[in-house]
PDB file of N, CA and C in Angstrom:
ATOM      1  N   MET A   1      21.201 -32.380 -29.172  1.00  0.00           N
ATOM      2  CA  MET A   1      20.881 -32.901 -27.858  1.00  0.00           C
ATOM      3  C   MET A   1      21.933 -32.489 -26.836  1.00  0.00           C
ATOM      4  N   LYS A   2      23.165 -32.410 -27.257  1.00  0.00           N
ATOM      5  CA  LYS A   2      24.215 -32.036 -26.318  1.00  0.00           C
ATOM      6  C   LYS A   2      23.992 -30.629 -25.763  1.00  0.00           C
ATOM      7  N   MET A   3      23.517 -29.726 -26.642  1.00  0.00           N
ATOM      8  CA  MET A   3      23.301 -28.353 -26.194  1.00  0.00           C
ATOM      9  C   MET A   3      22.209 -28.289 -25.127  1.00  0.00           C
ATOM     10  N   LEU A   4      21.117 -29.009 -25.318  1.00  0.00           N
ATOM     11  CA  LEU A   4      20.042 -29.028 -24.325  1.00  0.00           C
ATOM     12  C   LEU A   4      20.513 -29.652 -23.014  1.00  0.00           C
ATOM     13  N   ASP A   5      21.334 -30.689 -23.099  1.00  0.00           N
ATOM     14  CA  ASP A   5      21.886 -31.301 -21.888  1.00  0.00           C
ATOM     15  C   ASP A   5      22.750 -30.309 -21.120  1.00  0.00           C
ATOM     16  N   LYS A   6      23.579 -29.569 -21.848  1.00  0.00           N
ATOM     17  CA  LYS A   6      24.437 -28.577 -21.195  1.00  0.00           C
ATOM     18  C   LYS A   6      23.604 -27.478 -20.529  1.00  0.00           C
ATOM     19  N   ILE A   7      22.550 -27.020 -21.220  1.00  0.00           N
ATOM     20  CA  ILE A   7      21.674 -25.989 -20.644  1.00  0.00           C
ATOM     21  C   ILE A   7      20.990 -26.513 -19.393  1.00  0.00           C
ATOM     22  N   CYS A   8      20.510 -27.743 -19.447  1.00  0.00           N
ATOM     23  CA  CYS A   8      19.818 -28.343 -18.298  1.00  0.00           C
ATOM     24  C   CYS A   8      20.759 -28.517 -17.113  1.00  0.00           C
ATOM     25  N   ILE A   9      21.955 -29.020 -17.379  1.00  0.00           N
ATOM     26  CA  ILE A   9      22.939 -29.223 -16.305  1.00  0.00           C
ATOM     27  C   ILE A   9      23.344 -27.890 -15.703  1.00  0.00           C
ATOM     28  N   ASN A  10      23.562 -26.879 -16.557  1.00  0.00           N
ATOM     29  CA  ASN A  10      23.936 -25.559 -16.080  1.00  0.00           C
ATOM     30  C   ASN A  10      22.830 -24.960 -15.203  1.00  0.00           C
ATOM     31  N   ALA A  11      21.576 -25.116 -15.608  1.00  0.00           N
ATOM     32  CA  ALA A  11      20.446 -24.609 -14.824  1.00  0.00           C
ATOM     33  C   ALA A  11      20.350 -25.319 -13.484  1.00  0.00           C
ATOM     34  N   MET A  12      20.567 -26.628 -13.476  1.00  0.00           N
ATOM     35  CA  MET A  12      20.513 -27.379 -12.221  1.00  0.00           C
ATOM     36  C   MET A  12      21.632 -26.959 -11.286  1.00  0.00           C
ATOM     37  N   LEU A  13      22.827 -26.736 -11.822  1.00  0.00           N
ATOM     38  CA  LEU A  13      23.947 -26.286 -10.987  1.00  0.00           C
ATOM     39  C   LEU A  13      23.666 -24.905 -10.393  1.00  0.00           C
ATOM     40  N   ARG A  14      23.143 -24.007 -11.213  1.00  0.00           N
ATOM     41  CA  ARG A  14      22.812 -22.670 -10.707  1.00  0.00           C
ATOM     42  C   ARG A  14      21.731 -22.736  -9.631  1.00  0.00           C
ATOM     43  N   ALA A  15      20.739 -23.602  -9.813  1.00  0.00           N
ATOM     44  CA  ALA A  15      19.678 -23.752  -8.815  1.00  0.00           C
ATOM     45  C   ALA A  15      20.247 -24.277  -7.501  1.00  0.00           C
ATOM     46  N   ASN A  16      21.175 -25.233  -7.568  1.00  0.00           N
ATOM     47  CA  ASN A  16      21.785 -25.763  -6.350  1.00  0.00           C
ATOM     48  C   ASN A  16      22.624 -24.712  -5.644  1.00  0.00           C
ATOM     49  N   VAL A  17      23.365 -23.912  -6.420  1.00  0.00           N
ATOM     50  CA  VAL A  17      24.173 -22.842  -5.818  1.00  0.00           C
ATOM     51  C   VAL A  17      23.261 -21.818  -5.151  1.00  0.00           C
ATOM     52  N   ALA A  18      22.173 -21.444  -5.820  1.00  0.00           N
ATOM     53  CA  ALA A  18      21.232 -20.480  -5.245  1.00  0.00           C
ATOM     54  C   ALA A  18      20.599 -21.030  -3.973  1.00  0.00           C
ATOM     55  N   LYS A  19      20.258 -22.321  -3.985  1.00  0.00           N
ATOM     56  CA  LYS A  19      19.669 -22.944  -2.797  1.00  0.00           C
ATOM     57  C   LYS A  19      20.653 -22.938  -1.637  1.00  0.00           C
ATOM     58  N   ASP A  20      21.918 -23.256  -1.911  1.00  0.00           N
ATOM     59  CA  ASP A  20      22.937 -23.249  -0.861  1.00  0.00           C
ATOM     60  C   ASP A  20      23.146 -21.848  -0.294  1.00  0.00           C
ATOM     61  N   LYS A  21      23.177 -20.852  -1.175  1.00  0.00           N
ATOM     62  CA  LYS A  21      23.339 -19.471  -0.703  1.00  0.00           C
ATOM     63  C   LYS A  21      22.165 -19.037   0.150  1.00  0.00           C
ATOM     64  N   LEU A  22      20.959 -19.411  -0.254  1.00  0.00           N
ATOM     65  CA  LEU A  22      19.766 -19.059   0.513  1.00  0.00           C
ATOM     66  C   LEU A  22      19.781 -19.733   1.879  1.00  0.00           C
ATOM     67  N   GLU A  23      20.154 -21.003   1.925  1.00  0.00           N
ATOM     68  CA  GLU A  23      20.217 -21.720   3.207  1.00  0.00           C
ATOM     69  C   GLU A  23      21.258 -21.101   4.128  1.00  0.00           C
ATOM     70  N   SER A  24      22.410 -20.743   3.600  1.00  0.00           N
ATOM     71  CA  SER A  24      23.443 -20.147   4.454  1.00  0.00           C
ATOM     72  C   SER A  24      23.016 -18.767   4.938  1.00  0.00           C
ATOM     73  N   PHE A  25      22.288 -18.011   4.092  1.00  0.00           N
ATOM     74  CA  PHE A  25      21.800 -16.696   4.507  1.00  0.00           C
ATOM     75  C   PHE A  25      20.775 -16.829   5.629  1.00  0.00           C
ATOM     76  N   LEU A  26      19.882 -17.798   5.512  1.00  0.00           N
ATOM     77  CA  LEU A  26      18.858 -17.972   6.532  1.00  0.00           C
ATOM     78  C   LEU A  26      19.435 -18.488   7.846  1.00  0.00           C
ATOM     79  N   GLU A  27      20.544 -19.232   7.796  1.00  0.00           N
ATOM     80  CA  GLU A  27      21.163 -19.740   9.010  1.00  0.00           C
ATOM     81  C   GLU A  27      21.936 -18.664   9.754  1.00  0.00           C
ATOM     82  N   GLU A  28      22.360 -17.622   9.051  1.00  0.00           N
ATOM     83  CA  GLU A  28      23.129 -16.549   9.669  1.00  0.00           C
ATOM     84  C   GLU A  28      22.228 -15.740  10.592  1.00  0.00           C
ATOM     85  N   GLN A  29      22.691 -15.452  11.798  1.00  0.00           N
ATOM     86  CA  GLN A  29      21.900 -14.698  12.757  1.00  0.00           C
ATOM     87  C   GLN A  29      22.407 -13.278  12.948  1.00  0.00           C
ATOM     88  N   ASP A  30      23.621 -12.979  12.516  1.00  0.00           N
ATOM     89  CA  ASP A  30      24.198 -11.658  12.751  1.00  0.00           C
ATOM     90  C   ASP A  30      23.438 -10.557  12.021  1.00  0.00           C
ATOM     91  N   GLY A  31      23.086 -10.768  10.782  1.00  0.00           N
ATOM     92  CA  GLY A  31      22.413  -9.753   9.993  1.00  0.00           C
ATOM     93  C   GLY A  31      21.009  -9.449  10.487  1.00  0.00           C
ATOM     94  N   VAL A  32      20.338 -10.433  11.038  1.00  0.00           N
ATOM     95  CA  VAL A  32      18.962 -10.259  11.482  1.00  0.00           C
ATOM     96  C   VAL A  32      18.891  -9.293  12.660  1.00  0.00           C
ATOM     97  N   SER A  33      19.787  -9.407  13.609  1.00  0.00           N
ATOM     98  CA  SER A  33      19.740  -8.519  14.769  1.00  0.00           C
ATOM     99  C   SER A  33      20.034  -7.078  14.377  1.00  0.00           C
ATOM    100  N   ASN A  34      20.903  -6.862  13.392  1.00  0.00           N
ATOM    101  CA  ASN A  34      21.181  -5.503  12.932  1.00  0.00           C
ATOM    102  C   ASN A  34      19.959  -4.896  12.250  1.00  0.00           C
ATOM    103  N   VAL A  35      19.259  -5.683  11.482  1.00  0.00           N
ATOM    104  CA  VAL A  35      18.054  -5.187  10.811  1.00  0.00           C
ATOM    105  C   VAL A  35      16.983  -4.845  11.829  1.00  0.00           C
ATOM    106  N   VAL A  36      16.802  -5.692  12.810  1.00  0.00           N
ATOM    107  CA  VAL A  36      15.790  -5.444  13.846  1.00  0.00           C
ATOM    108  C   VAL A  36      16.132  -4.188  14.636  1.00  0.00           C
ATOM    109  N   ALA A  37      17.389  -4.012  14.985  1.00  0.00           N
ATOM    110  CA  ALA A  37      17.800  -2.822  15.728  1.00  0.00           C
ATOM    111  C   ALA A  37      17.589  -1.561  14.900  1.00  0.00           C
ATOM    112  N   THR A  38      17.900  -1.609  13.624  1.00  0.00           N
ATOM    113  CA  THR A  38      17.703  -0.451  12.753  1.00  0.00           C
ATOM    114  C   THR A  38      16.230  -0.104  12.628  1.00  0.00           C
ATOM    115  N   LEU A  39      15.390  -1.102  12.455  1.00  0.00           N
ATOM    116  CA  LEU A  39      13.952  -0.855  12.356  1.00  0.00           C
ATOM    117  C   LEU A  39      13.383  -0.299  13.653  1.00  0.00           C
ATOM    118  N   LEU A  40      13.878  -0.786  14.781  1.00  0.00           N
ATOM    119  CA  LEU A  40      13.419  -0.286  16.070  1.00  0.00           C
ATOM    120  C   LEU A  40      13.784   1.181  16.248  1.00  0.00           C
ATOM    121  N   ILE A  41      14.999   1.545  15.900  1.00  0.00           N
ATOM    122  CA  ILE A  41      15.425   2.949  15.990  1.00  0.00           C
ATOM    123  C   ILE A  41      14.583   3.814  15.058  1.00  0.00           C
ATOM    124  N   LEU A  42      14.311   3.324  13.856  1.00  0.00           N
ATOM    125  CA  LEU A  42      13.497   4.075  12.907  1.00  0.00           C
ATOM    126  C   LEU A  42      12.084   4.296  13.440  1.00  0.00           C
ATOM    127  N   VAL A  43      11.499   3.286  14.049  1.00  0.00           N
ATOM    128  CA  VAL A  43      10.156   3.420  14.625  1.00  0.00           C
ATOM    129  C   VAL A  43      10.160   4.434  15.761  1.00  0.00           C
ATOM    130  N   ILE A  44      11.180   4.423  16.605  1.00  0.00           N
ATOM    131  CA  ILE A  44      11.270   5.378  17.714  1.00  0.00           C
ATOM    132  C   ILE A  44      11.380   6.802  17.181  1.00  0.00           C
ATOM    133  N   VAL A  45      12.226   7.012  16.176  1.00  0.00           N
ATOM    134  CA  VAL A  45      12.398   8.355  15.613  1.00  0.00           C
ATOM    135  C   VAL A  45      11.100   8.854  14.982  1.00  0.00           C
ATOM    136  N   VAL A  46      10.428   8.001  14.209  1.00  0.00           N
ATOM    137  CA  VAL A  46       9.170   8.405  13.581  1.00  0.00           C
ATOM    138  C   VAL A  46       8.118   8.717  14.637  1.00  0.00           C
ATOM    139  N   THR A  47       8.062   7.940  15.691  1.00  0.00           N
ATOM    140  CA  THR A  47       7.108   8.195  16.775  1.00  0.00           C
ATOM    141  C   THR A  47       7.384   9.521  17.460  1.00  0.00           C
ATOM    142  N   LEU A  48       8.657   9.811  17.738  1.00  0.00           N
ATOM    143  CA  LEU A  48       9.003  11.086  18.367  1.00  0.00           C
ATOM    144  C   LEU A  48       8.682  12.274  17.461  1.00  0.00           C
ATOM    145  N   VAL A  49       8.967  12.141  16.183  1.00  0.00           N
ATOM    146  CA  VAL A  49       8.692  13.240  15.256  1.00  0.00           C
ATOM    147  C   VAL A  49       7.193  13.496  15.167  1.00  0.00           C
ATOM    148  N   THR A  50       6.389  12.438  15.070  1.00  0.00           N
ATOM    149  CA  THR A  50       4.942  12.645  14.979  1.00  0.00           C
ATOM    150  C   THR A  50       4.375  13.187  16.286  1.00  0.00           C
ATOM    151  N   THR A  51       4.958  12.804  17.404  1.00  0.00           N
ATOM    152  CA  THR A  51       4.468  13.289  18.693  1.00  0.00           C
ATOM    153  C   THR A  51       4.743  14.776  18.866  1.00  0.00           C
ATOM    154  N   PHE A  52       5.931  15.205  18.484  1.00  0.00           N
ATOM    155  CA  PHE A  52       6.332  16.590  18.709  1.00  0.00           C
ATOM    156  C   PHE A  52       6.293  17.427  17.434  1.00  0.00           C
ATOM    157  N   TRP A  53       5.459  17.069  16.468  1.00  0.00           N
ATOM    158  CA  TRP A  53       5.420  17.773  15.193  1.00  0.00           C
ATOM    159  C   TRP A  53       5.042  19.244  15.367  1.00  0.00           C
ATOM    160  N   GLY A  54       4.087  19.545  16.232  1.00  0.00           N
ATOM    161  CA  GLY A  54       3.665  20.931  16.462  1.00  0.00           C
ATOM    162  C   GLY A  54       4.793  21.780  16.997  1.00  0.00           C
ATOM    163  N   ARG A  55       5.494  21.280  17.975  1.00  0.00           N
ATOM    164  CA  ARG A  55       6.622  22.028  18.547  1.00  0.00           C
ATOM    165  C   ARG A  55       7.758  22.169  17.541  1.00  0.00           C
ATOM    166  N   LEU A  56       8.015  21.127  16.771  1.00  0.00           N
ATOM    167  CA  LEU A  56       9.063  21.218  15.747  1.00  0.00           C
ATOM    168  C   LEU A  56       8.694  22.249  14.693  1.00  0.00           C
ATOM    169  N   SER A  57       7.437  22.304  14.326  1.00  0.00           N
ATOM    170  CA  SER A  57       6.975  23.273  13.344  1.00  0.00           C
ATOM    171  C   SER A  57       7.142  24.694  13.868  1.00  0.00           C
ATOM    172  N   GLU A  58       6.756  24.924  15.120  1.00  0.00           N
ATOM    173  CA  GLU A  58       6.936  26.252  15.733  1.00  0.00           C
ATOM    174  C   GLU A  58       8.411  26.624  15.799  1.00  0.00           C
ATOM    175  N   TRP A  59       9.257  25.696  16.178  1.00  0.00           N
ATOM    176  CA  TRP A  59      10.690  25.962  16.257  1.00  0.00           C
ATOM    177  C   TRP A  59      11.274  26.289  14.888  1.00  0.00           C
ATOM    178  N   ALA A  60      10.871  25.524  13.865  1.00  0.00           N
ATOM    179  CA  ALA A  60      11.372  25.773  12.508  1.00  0.00           C
ATOM    180  C   ALA A  60      10.883  27.123  12.000  1.00  0.00           C
ATOM    181  N   ASN A  61       9.621  27.458  12.251  1.00  0.00           N
ATOM    182  CA  ASN A  61       9.102  28.764  11.828  1.00  0.00           C
ATOM    183  C   ASN A  61       9.822  29.899  12.537  1.00  0.00           C
ATOM    184  N   GLY A  62      10.077  29.737  13.828  1.00  0.00           N
ATOM    185  CA  GLY A  62      10.831  30.753  14.569  1.00  0.00           C
ATOM    186  C   GLY A  62      12.237  30.913  14.027  1.00  0.00           C
ATOM    187  N   LEU A  63      12.858  29.816  13.695  1.00  0.00           N
ATOM    188  CA  LEU A  63      14.207  29.857  13.128  1.00  0.00           C
ATOM    189  C   LEU A  63      14.203  30.564  11.775  1.00  0.00           C
ATOM    190  N   MET A  64      13.206  30.277  10.948  1.00  0.00           N
ATOM    191  CA  MET A  64      13.105  30.946   9.643  1.00  0.00           C
ATOM    192  C   MET A  64      12.822  32.437   9.813  1.00  0.00           C
ATOM    193  N   ASP A  65      12.018  32.806  10.833  1.00  0.00           N
ATOM    194  CA  ASP A  65      11.766  34.222  11.102  1.00  0.00           C
ATOM    195  C   ASP A  65      13.066  34.938  11.445  1.00  0.00           C
ATOM    196  N   ILE A  66      13.888  34.295  12.247  1.00  0.00           N
ATOM    197  CA  ILE A  66      15.167  34.904  12.638  1.00  0.00           C
ATOM    198  C   ILE A  66      16.096  35.014  11.430  1.00  0.00           C
ATOM    199  N   ILE A  67      16.160  33.971  10.625  1.00  0.00           N
ATOM    200  CA  ILE A  67      17.087  33.959   9.480  1.00  0.00           C
ATOM    201  C   ILE A  67      16.666  34.961   8.418  1.00  0.00           C
ATOM    202  N   PHE A  68      15.388  34.994   8.050  1.00  0.00           N
ATOM    203  CA  PHE A  68      14.930  35.820   6.951  1.00  0.00           C
ATOM    204  C   PHE A  68      14.282  37.134   7.406  1.00  0.00           C
ATOM    205  N   LYS A  69      14.204  37.361   8.727  1.00  0.00           N
ATOM    206  CA  LYS A  69      13.612  38.592   9.293  1.00  0.00           C
ATOM    207  C   LYS A  69      12.195  38.805   8.785  1.00  0.00           C
ATOM    208  N   THR A  70      11.421  37.721   8.750  1.00  0.00           N
ATOM    209  CA  THR A  70      10.025  37.796   8.329  1.00  0.00           C
ATOM    210  C   THR A  70       9.152  37.118   9.367  1.00  0.00           C
ATOM    211  N   LYS A  71       7.866  37.243   9.182  1.00  0.00           N
ATOM    212  CA  LYS A  71       6.914  36.590  10.085  1.00  0.00           C
ATOM    213  C   LYS A  71       6.086  35.614   9.278  1.00  0.00           C
ATOM    214  N   ILE A  72       6.181  34.316   9.577  1.00  0.00           N
ATOM    215  CA  ILE A  72       5.412  33.276   8.911  1.00  0.00           C
ATOM    216  C   ILE A  72       4.302  32.841   9.841  1.00  0.00           C
ATOM    217  N   SER A  73       3.050  32.843   9.327  1.00  0.00           N
ATOM    218  CA  SER A  73       1.948  32.461  10.206  1.00  0.00           C
ATOM    219  C   SER A  73       1.472  31.077   9.984  1.00  0.00           C
TER     220      SER A  73
END
């Protein structure tokens, strides 16, 4: 019985520690603004790349033509 009591108490302590860590993480506001800013920058970059994909492709092909002295169609 002592072993089961120790396991139960240990599990309850770990659950309380996890709950406290989760509450402190959710109360923190600094990390959230950094994540939002990073996601916003990522969305802007993806939007620009998809918008100018044709021009980027032409530029990359031209660059490869110059480097390898070939013509890619």
